Amino acid sequence: MSRHDDQALLEAVRIHRDRLRGAFLRGPAGIRQGVPPLMARLVASLILAAVVCAVCVGISFVLAVIPKTTPSPAPTTTTSQEGKTL
């Protein structure tokens, strides 16, 4: 019978320790307010979409600015003065 009492005591201590660890990590059960998984996914998806849009706008801006900053080649003239007489 003492073996059964020891086993019950060890199990009670384990459960108490698990509850204390859970309360420390997540707060007491009355105060705990978790975000539903779907809401967390929605927020993460919106943030990811905003980052992707910002990257696309940045790339588009850079590609639009690059041609304006590169010097254009000077037009070449191919007229010759040999055939003209004054």
PDB file of N, CA and C in Angstrom:
ATOM      1  N   MET A   1       0.814  -1.188   0.000  1.00  0.00           N
ATOM      2  CA  MET A   1       0.000   0.000   0.000  1.00  0.00           C
ATOM      3  C   MET A   1       0.862   1.259   0.000  1.00  0.00           C
ATOM      4  N   SER A   2       2.019   1.219   0.563  1.00  0.00           N
ATOM      5  CA  SER A   2       2.880   2.394   0.575  1.00  0.00           C
ATOM      6  C   SER A   2       3.367   2.715  -0.834  1.00  0.00           C
ATOM      7  N   ARG A   3       3.508   1.665  -1.650  1.00  0.00           N
ATOM      8  CA  ARG A   3       3.936   1.897  -3.034  1.00  0.00           C
ATOM      9  C   ARG A   3       2.857   2.686  -3.786  1.00  0.00           C
ATOM     10  N   HIS A   4       1.601   2.377  -3.552  1.00  0.00           N
ATOM     11  CA  HIS A   4       0.499   3.085  -4.195  1.00  0.00           C
ATOM     12  C   HIS A   4       0.462   4.544  -3.718  1.00  0.00           C
ATOM     13  N   ASP A   5       0.686   4.761  -2.438  1.00  0.00           N
ATOM     14  CA  ASP A   5       0.694   6.127  -1.897  1.00  0.00           C
ATOM     15  C   ASP A   5       1.852   6.936  -2.485  1.00  0.00           C
ATOM     16  N   ASP A   6       3.008   6.303  -2.611  1.00  0.00           N
ATOM     17  CA  ASP A   6       4.161   6.995  -3.190  1.00  0.00           C
ATOM     18  C   ASP A   6       3.898   7.368  -4.649  1.00  0.00           C
ATOM     19  N   GLN A   7       3.298   6.432  -5.381  1.00  0.00           N
ATOM     20  CA  GLN A   7       2.997   6.687  -6.792  1.00  0.00           C
ATOM     21  C   GLN A   7       1.991   7.828  -6.937  1.00  0.00           C
ATOM     22  N   ALA A   8       0.977   7.847  -6.073  1.00  0.00           N
ATOM     23  CA  ALA A   8      -0.025   8.901  -6.113  1.00  0.00           C
ATOM     24  C   ALA A   8       0.599  10.249  -5.751  1.00  0.00           C
ATOM     25  N   LEU A   9       1.500  10.247  -4.767  1.00  0.00           N
ATOM     26  CA  LEU A   9       2.168  11.482  -4.380  1.00  0.00           C
ATOM     27  C   LEU A   9       3.053  12.009  -5.507  1.00  0.00           C
ATOM     28  N   LEU A  10       3.799  11.124  -6.164  1.00  0.00           N
ATOM     29  CA  LEU A  10       4.651  11.539  -7.285  1.00  0.00           C
ATOM     30  C   LEU A  10       3.820  12.092  -8.439  1.00  0.00           C
ATOM     31  N   GLU A  11       2.698  11.473  -8.710  1.00  0.00           N
ATOM     32  CA  GLU A  11       1.834  11.953  -9.792  1.00  0.00           C
ATOM     33  C   GLU A  11       1.223  13.312  -9.437  1.00  0.00           C
ATOM     34  N   ALA A  12       0.840  13.491  -8.191  1.00  0.00           N
ATOM     35  CA  ALA A  12       0.277  14.777  -7.760  1.00  0.00           C
ATOM     36  C   ALA A  12       1.329  15.888  -7.866  1.00  0.00           C
ATOM     37  N   VAL A  13       2.569  15.566  -7.493  1.00  0.00           N
ATOM     38  CA  VAL A  13       3.644  16.562  -7.601  1.00  0.00           C
ATOM     39  C   VAL A  13       3.893  16.903  -9.062  1.00  0.00           C
ATOM     40  N   ARG A  14       3.883  15.912  -9.942  1.00  0.00           N
ATOM     41  CA  ARG A  14       4.096  16.151 -11.378  1.00  0.00           C
ATOM     42  C   ARG A  14       3.001  17.038 -11.949  1.00  0.00           C
ATOM     43  N   ILE A  15       1.757  16.765 -11.601  1.00  0.00           N
ATOM     44  CA  ILE A  15       0.640  17.572 -12.094  1.00  0.00           C
ATOM     45  C   ILE A  15       0.735  19.005 -11.563  1.00  0.00           C
ATOM     46  N   HIS A  16       1.080  19.122 -10.276  1.00  0.00           N
ATOM     47  CA  HIS A  16       1.220  20.460  -9.693  1.00  0.00           C
ATOM     48  C   HIS A  16       2.339  21.238 -10.390  1.00  0.00           C
ATOM     49  N   ARG A  17       3.445  20.580 -10.668  1.00  0.00           N
ATOM     50  CA  ARG A  17       4.575  21.226 -11.350  1.00  0.00           C
ATOM     51  C   ARG A  17       4.180  21.641 -12.764  1.00  0.00           C
ATOM     52  N   ASP A  18       3.441  20.781 -13.467  1.00  0.00           N
ATOM     53  CA  ASP A  18       2.982  21.128 -14.822  1.00  0.00           C
ATOM     54  C   ASP A  18       2.046  22.334 -14.806  1.00  0.00           C
ATOM     55  N   ARG A  19       1.173  22.394 -13.818  1.00  0.00           N
ATOM     56  CA  ARG A  19       0.256  23.527 -13.717  1.00  0.00           C
ATOM     57  C   ARG A  19       1.004  24.817 -13.404  1.00  0.00           C
ATOM     58  N   LEU A  20       1.990  24.727 -12.514  1.00  0.00           N
ATOM     59  CA  LEU A  20       2.784  25.911 -12.197  1.00  0.00           C
ATOM     60  C   LEU A  20       3.568  26.384 -13.422  1.00  0.00           C
ATOM     61  N   ARG A  21       4.136  25.456 -14.162  1.00  0.00           N
ATOM     62  CA  ARG A  21       4.888  25.821 -15.366  1.00  0.00           C
ATOM     63  C   ARG A  21       3.955  26.472 -16.389  1.00  0.00           C
ATOM     64  N   GLY A  22       2.758  25.907 -16.574  1.00  0.00           N
ATOM     65  CA  GLY A  22       1.796  26.487 -17.505  1.00  0.00           C
ATOM     66  C   GLY A  22       1.347  27.868 -17.078  1.00  0.00           C
ATOM     67  N   ALA A  23       1.137  28.061 -15.775  1.00  0.00           N
ATOM     68  CA  ALA A  23       0.735  29.378 -15.279  1.00  0.00           C
ATOM     69  C   ALA A  23       1.856  30.391 -15.447  1.00  0.00           C
ATOM     70  N   PHE A  24       3.090  29.948 -15.276  1.00  0.00           N
ATOM     71  CA  PHE A  24       4.228  30.855 -15.443  1.00  0.00           C
ATOM     72  C   PHE A  24       4.386  31.270 -16.903  1.00  0.00           C
ATOM     73  N   LEU A  25       4.219  30.317 -17.815  1.00  0.00           N
ATOM     74  CA  LEU A  25       4.423  30.614 -19.232  1.00  0.00           C
ATOM     75  C   LEU A  25       3.247  31.355 -19.854  1.00  0.00           C
ATOM     76  N   ARG A  26       2.019  31.008 -19.477  1.00  0.00           N
ATOM     77  CA  ARG A  26       0.849  31.565 -20.144  1.00  0.00           C
ATOM     78  C   ARG A  26      -0.026  32.421 -19.248  1.00  0.00           C
ATOM     79  N   GLY A  27       0.316  32.565 -17.998  1.00  0.00           N
ATOM     80  CA  GLY A  27      -0.501  33.355 -17.080  1.00  0.00           C
ATOM     81  C   GLY A  27      -1.589  32.498 -16.460  1.00  0.00           C
ATOM     82  N   PRO A  28      -2.255  33.029 -15.459  1.00  0.00           N
ATOM     83  CA  PRO A  28      -3.321  32.260 -14.823  1.00  0.00           C
ATOM     84  C   PRO A  28      -4.474  31.986 -15.788  1.00  0.00           C
ATOM     85  N   ALA A  29      -5.226  30.935 -15.517  1.00  0.00           N
ATOM     86  CA  ALA A  29      -6.289  30.493 -16.432  1.00  0.00           C
ATOM     87  C   ALA A  29      -7.377  31.556 -16.586  1.00  0.00           C
ATOM     88  N   GLY A  30      -7.661  32.344 -15.564  1.00  0.00           N
ATOM     89  CA  GLY A  30      -8.708  33.359 -15.650  1.00  0.00           C
ATOM     90  C   GLY A  30      -8.318  34.532 -16.532  1.00  0.00           C
ATOM     91  N   ILE A  31      -7.040  34.836 -16.629  1.00  0.00           N
ATOM     92  CA  ILE A  31      -6.573  35.984 -17.394  1.00  0.00           C
ATOM     93  C   ILE A  31      -6.205  35.594 -18.820  1.00  0.00           C
ATOM     94  N   ARG A  32      -5.926  34.355 -19.048  1.00  0.00           N
ATOM     95  CA  ARG A  32      -5.447  33.891 -20.349  1.00  0.00           C
ATOM     96  C   ARG A  32      -6.425  34.225 -21.465  1.00  0.00           C
ATOM     97  N   GLN A  33      -5.945  34.885 -22.488  1.00  0.00           N
ATOM     98  CA  GLN A  33      -6.751  35.175 -23.669  1.00  0.00           C
ATOM     99  C   GLN A  33      -5.890  34.892 -24.875  1.00  0.00           C
ATOM    100  N   GLY A  34      -6.126  33.790 -25.492  1.00  0.00           N
ATOM    101  CA  GLY A  34      -5.335  33.428 -26.656  1.00  0.00           C
ATOM    102  C   GLY A  34      -5.943  33.960 -27.940  1.00  0.00           C
ATOM    103  N   VAL A  35      -5.116  34.136 -28.920  1.00  0.00           N
ATOM    104  CA  VAL A  35      -5.575  34.548 -30.237  1.00  0.00           C
ATOM    105  C   VAL A  35      -5.949  33.279 -30.992  1.00  0.00           C
ATOM    106  N   PRO A  36      -7.138  33.235 -31.563  1.00  0.00           N
ATOM    107  CA  PRO A  36      -7.495  32.045 -32.323  1.00  0.00           C
ATOM    108  C   PRO A  36      -6.502  31.812 -33.464  1.00  0.00           C
ATOM    109  N   PRO A  37      -6.222  30.561 -33.769  1.00  0.00           N
ATOM    110  CA  PRO A  37      -5.225  30.266 -34.810  1.00  0.00           C
ATOM    111  C   PRO A  37      -5.563  30.890 -36.166  1.00  0.00           C
ATOM    112  N   LEU A  38      -6.839  30.956 -36.502  1.00  0.00           N
ATOM    113  CA  LEU A  38      -7.203  31.543 -37.790  1.00  0.00           C
ATOM    114  C   LEU A  38      -6.926  33.044 -37.816  1.00  0.00           C
ATOM    115  N   MET A  39      -7.123  33.702 -36.703  1.00  0.00           N
ATOM    116  CA  MET A  39      -6.846  35.137 -36.637  1.00  0.00           C
ATOM    117  C   MET A  39      -5.343  35.385 -36.758  1.00  0.00           C
ATOM    118  N   ALA A  40      -4.556  34.551 -36.123  1.00  0.00           N
ATOM    119  CA  ALA A  40      -3.098  34.690 -36.219  1.00  0.00           C
ATOM    120  C   ALA A  40      -2.642  34.461 -37.655  1.00  0.00           C
ATOM    121  N   ARG A  41      -3.216  33.496 -38.325  1.00  0.00           N
ATOM    122  CA  ARG A  41      -2.873  33.243 -39.728  1.00  0.00           C
ATOM    123  C   ARG A  41      -3.266  34.421 -40.605  1.00  0.00           C
ATOM    124  N   LEU A  42      -4.425  35.014 -40.325  1.00  0.00           N
ATOM    125  CA  LEU A  42      -4.883  36.159 -41.105  1.00  0.00           C
ATOM    126  C   LEU A  42      -3.922  37.343 -40.951  1.00  0.00           C
ATOM    127  N   VAL A  43      -3.532  37.625 -39.729  1.00  0.00           N
ATOM    128  CA  VAL A  43      -2.611  38.737 -39.489  1.00  0.00           C
ATOM    129  C   VAL A  43      -1.268  38.467 -40.164  1.00  0.00           C
ATOM    130  N   ALA A  44      -0.759  37.240 -40.036  1.00  0.00           N
ATOM    131  CA  ALA A  44       0.515  36.892 -40.671  1.00  0.00           C
ATOM    132  C   ALA A  44       0.412  37.004 -42.189  1.00  0.00           C
ATOM    133  N   SER A  45      -0.701  36.594 -42.757  1.00  0.00           N
ATOM    134  CA  SER A  45      -0.892  36.685 -44.205  1.00  0.00           C
ATOM    135  C   SER A  45      -0.947  38.139 -44.663  1.00  0.00           C
ATOM    136  N   LEU A  46      -1.610  38.993 -43.901  1.00  0.00           N
ATOM    137  CA  LEU A  46      -1.682  40.415 -44.263  1.00  0.00           C
ATOM    138  C   LEU A  46      -0.308  41.070 -44.197  1.00  0.00           C
ATOM    139  N   ILE A  47       0.469  40.720 -43.189  1.00  0.00           N
ATOM    140  CA  ILE A  47       1.822  41.274 -43.089  1.00  0.00           C
ATOM    141  C   ILE A  47       2.676  40.800 -44.249  1.00  0.00           C
ATOM    142  N   LEU A  48       2.588  39.521 -44.581  1.00  0.00           N
ATOM    143  CA  LEU A  48       3.358  38.983 -45.702  1.00  0.00           C
ATOM    144  C   LEU A  48       2.943  39.639 -47.019  1.00  0.00           C
ATOM    145  N   ALA A  49       1.653  39.848 -47.221  1.00  0.00           N
ATOM    146  CA  ALA A  49       1.175  40.493 -48.448  1.00  0.00           C
ATOM    147  C   ALA A  49       1.678  41.938 -48.526  1.00  0.00           C
ATOM    148  N   ALA A  50       1.707  42.638 -47.406  1.00  0.00           N
ATOM    149  CA  ALA A  50       2.207  44.018 -47.401  1.00  0.00           C
ATOM    150  C   ALA A  50       3.695  44.062 -47.746  1.00  0.00           C
ATOM    151  N   VAL A  51       4.449  43.108 -47.237  1.00  0.00           N
ATOM    152  CA  VAL A  51       5.888  43.062 -47.543  1.00  0.00           C
ATOM    153  C   VAL A  51       6.105  42.767 -49.020  1.00  0.00           C
ATOM    154  N   VAL A  52       5.352  41.828 -49.570  1.00  0.00           N
ATOM    155  CA  VAL A  52       5.490  41.494 -50.988  1.00  0.00           C
ATOM    156  C   VAL A  52       5.129  42.696 -51.858  1.00  0.00           C
ATOM    157  N   CYS A  53       4.062  43.401 -51.514  1.00  0.00           N
ATOM    158  CA  CYS A  53       3.674  44.595 -52.275  1.00  0.00           C
ATOM    159  C   CYS A  53       4.750  45.677 -52.194  1.00  0.00           C
ATOM    160  N   ALA A  54       5.323  45.857 -51.022  1.00  0.00           N
ATOM    161  CA  ALA A  54       6.373  46.868 -50.868  1.00  0.00           C
ATOM    162  C   ALA A  54       7.596  46.515 -51.713  1.00  0.00           C
ATOM    163  N   VAL A  55       7.939  45.248 -51.770  1.00  0.00           N
ATOM    164  CA  VAL A  55       9.077  44.823 -52.590  1.00  0.00           C
ATOM    165  C   VAL A  55       8.779  45.063 -54.068  1.00  0.00           C
ATOM    166  N   CYS A  56       7.577  44.742 -54.510  1.00  0.00           N
ATOM    167  CA  CYS A  56       7.209  44.957 -55.917  1.00  0.00           C
ATOM    168  C   CYS A  56       7.250  46.444 -56.283  1.00  0.00           C
ATOM    169  N   VAL A  57       6.738  47.287 -55.406  1.00  0.00           N
ATOM    170  CA  VAL A  57       6.762  48.728 -55.668  1.00  0.00           C
ATOM    171  C   VAL A  57       8.199  49.230 -55.700  1.00  0.00           C
ATOM    172  N   GLY A  58       9.033  48.751 -54.804  1.00  0.00           N
ATOM    173  CA  GLY A  58      10.438  49.158 -54.787  1.00  0.00           C
ATOM    174  C   GLY A  58      11.169  48.755 -56.051  1.00  0.00           C
ATOM    175  N   ILE A  59      10.959  47.532 -56.499  1.00  0.00           N
ATOM    176  CA  ILE A  59      11.604  47.066 -57.733  1.00  0.00           C
ATOM    177  C   ILE A  59      11.118  47.878 -58.925  1.00  0.00           C
ATOM    178  N   SER A  60       9.821  48.144 -58.986  1.00  0.00           N
ATOM    179  CA  SER A  60       9.275  48.937 -60.081  1.00  0.00           C
ATOM    180  C   SER A  60       9.857  50.345 -60.083  1.00  0.00           C
ATOM    181  N   PHE A  61       9.991  50.941 -58.912  1.00  0.00           N
ATOM    182  CA  PHE A  61      10.563  52.280 -58.818  1.00  0.00           C
ATOM    183  C   PHE A  61      12.008  52.288 -59.297  1.00  0.00           C
ATOM    184  N   VAL A  62      12.784  51.313 -58.851  1.00  0.00           N
ATOM    185  CA  VAL A  62      14.195  51.257 -59.251  1.00  0.00           C
ATOM    186  C   VAL A  62      14.315  51.048 -60.753  1.00  0.00           C
ATOM    187  N   LEU A  63      13.501  50.179 -61.320  1.00  0.00           N
ATOM    188  CA  LEU A  63      13.566  49.941 -62.757  1.00  0.00           C
ATOM    189  C   LEU A  63      13.113  51.163 -63.557  1.00  0.00           C
ATOM    190  N   ALA A  64      12.261  51.994 -62.995  1.00  0.00           N
ATOM    191  CA  ALA A  64      11.831  53.211 -63.681  1.00  0.00           C
ATOM    192  C   ALA A  64      12.877  54.315 -63.561  1.00  0.00           C
ATOM    193  N   VAL A  65      13.637  54.338 -62.496  1.00  0.00           N
ATOM    194  CA  VAL A  65      14.620  55.393 -62.280  1.00  0.00           C
ATOM    195  C   VAL A  65      15.918  55.110 -63.022  1.00  0.00           C
ATOM    196  N   ILE A  66      16.301  53.860 -63.167  1.00  0.00           N
ATOM    197  CA  ILE A  66      17.586  53.512 -63.792  1.00  0.00           C
ATOM    198  C   ILE A  66      17.718  54.079 -65.206  1.00  0.00           C
ATOM    199  N   PRO A  67      16.744  53.966 -66.104  1.00  0.00           N
ATOM    200  CA  PRO A  67      16.932  54.538 -67.448  1.00  0.00           C
ATOM    201  C   PRO A  67      17.093  56.057 -67.438  1.00  0.00           C
ATOM    202  N   LYS A  68      16.533  56.736 -66.480  1.00  0.00           N
ATOM    203  CA  LYS A  68      16.646  58.198 -66.418  1.00  0.00           C
ATOM    204  C   LYS A  68      18.030  58.626 -65.964  1.00  0.00           C
ATOM    205  N   THR A  69      18.710  57.806 -65.196  1.00  0.00           N
ATOM    206  CA  THR A  69      20.008  58.196 -64.661  1.00  0.00           C
ATOM    207  C   THR A  69      21.163  57.793 -65.563  1.00  0.00           C
ATOM    208  N   THR A  70      20.974  56.863 -66.478  1.00  0.00           N
ATOM    209  CA  THR A  70      22.069  56.479 -67.374  1.00  0.00           C
ATOM    210  C   THR A  70      22.165  57.493 -68.499  1.00  0.00           C
ATOM    211  N   PRO A  71      23.378  57.913 -68.846  1.00  0.00           N
ATOM    212  CA  PRO A  71      23.521  58.907 -69.925  1.00  0.00           C
ATOM    213  C   PRO A  71      23.176  58.276 -71.273  1.00  0.00           C
ATOM    214  N   SER A  72      22.457  59.019 -72.078  1.00  0.00           N
ATOM    215  CA  SER A  72      22.098  58.515 -73.404  1.00  0.00           C
ATOM    216  C   SER A  72      23.249  58.823 -74.362  1.00  0.00           C
ATOM    217  N   PRO A  73      23.490  57.948 -75.317  1.00  0.00           N
ATOM    218  CA  PRO A  73      24.588  58.198 -76.258  1.00  0.00           C
ATOM    219  C   PRO A  73      24.260  59.402 -77.149  1.00  0.00           C
ATOM    220  N   ALA A  74      25.303  60.159 -77.492  1.00  0.00           N
ATOM    221  CA  ALA A  74      25.134  61.341 -78.340  1.00  0.00           C
ATOM    222  C   ALA A  74      24.817  60.904 -79.764  1.00  0.00           C
ATOM    223  N   PRO A  75      23.926  61.609 -80.433  1.00  0.00           N
ATOM    224  CA  PRO A  75      23.595  61.229 -81.815  1.00  0.00           C
ATOM    225  C   PRO A  75      24.802  61.468 -82.723  1.00  0.00           C
ATOM    226  N   THR A  76      25.052  60.561 -83.613  1.00  0.00           N
ATOM    227  CA  THR A  76      26.183  60.693 -84.535  1.00  0.00           C
ATOM    228  C   THR A  76      25.710  61.291 -85.852  1.00  0.00           C
ATOM    229  N   THR A  77      26.522  62.145 -86.415  1.00  0.00           N
ATOM    230  CA  THR A  77      26.186  62.750 -87.706  1.00  0.00           C
ATOM    231  C   THR A  77      27.026  62.075 -88.780  1.00  0.00           C
ATOM    232  N   THR A  78      26.396  61.734 -89.872  1.00  0.00           N
ATOM    233  CA  THR A  78      27.098  61.053 -90.965  1.00  0.00           C
ATOM    234  C   THR A  78      27.100  61.887 -92.243  1.00  0.00           C
ATOM    235  N   THR A  79      26.921  63.160 -92.114  1.00  0.00           N
ATOM    236  CA  THR A  79      26.939  64.009 -93.323  1.00  0.00           C
ATOM    237  C   THR A  79      28.380  64.312 -93.685  1.00  0.00           C
ATOM    238  N   SER A  80      28.658  64.330 -94.933  1.00  0.00           N
ATOM    239  CA  SER A  80      30.015  64.652 -95.387  1.00  0.00           C
ATOM    240  C   SER A  80      29.972  65.945 -96.208  1.00  0.00           C
ATOM    241  N   GLN A  81      31.032  66.686 -96.172  1.00  0.00           N
ATOM    242  CA  GLN A  81      31.115  67.981 -96.841  1.00  0.00           C
ATOM    243  C   GLN A  81      31.772  67.840 -98.236  1.00  0.00           C
ATOM    244  N   GLU A  82      32.088  66.697 -98.683  1.00  0.00           N
ATOM    245  CA  GLU A  82      32.838  66.533 -99.942  1.00  0.00           C
ATOM    246  C   GLU A  82      32.012  66.879-101.180  1.00  0.00           C
ATOM    247  N   GLY A  83      30.781  66.538-101.210  1.00  0.00           N
ATOM    248  CA  GLY A  83      30.007  66.718-102.422  1.00  0.00           C
ATOM    249  C   GLY A  83      29.401  68.104-102.583  1.00  0.00           C
ATOM    250  N   LYS A  84      29.494  68.956-101.635  1.00  0.00           N
ATOM    251  CA  LYS A  84      28.863  70.268-101.695  1.00  0.00           C
ATOM    252  C   LYS A  84      29.865  71.324-102.194  1.00  0.00           C
ATOM    253  N   THR A  85      29.382  72.198-103.028  1.00  0.00           N
ATOM    254  CA  THR A  85      30.198  73.326-103.501  1.00  0.00           C
ATOM    255  C   THR A  85      29.468  74.612-103.190  1.00  0.00           C
ATOM    256  N   LEU A  86      30.194  75.597-102.854  1.00  0.00           N
ATOM    257  CA  LEU A  86      29.617  76.899-102.551  1.00  0.00           C
ATOM    258  C   LEU A  86      29.848  77.870-103.638  1.00  0.00           C
TER     259      LEU A  86
END
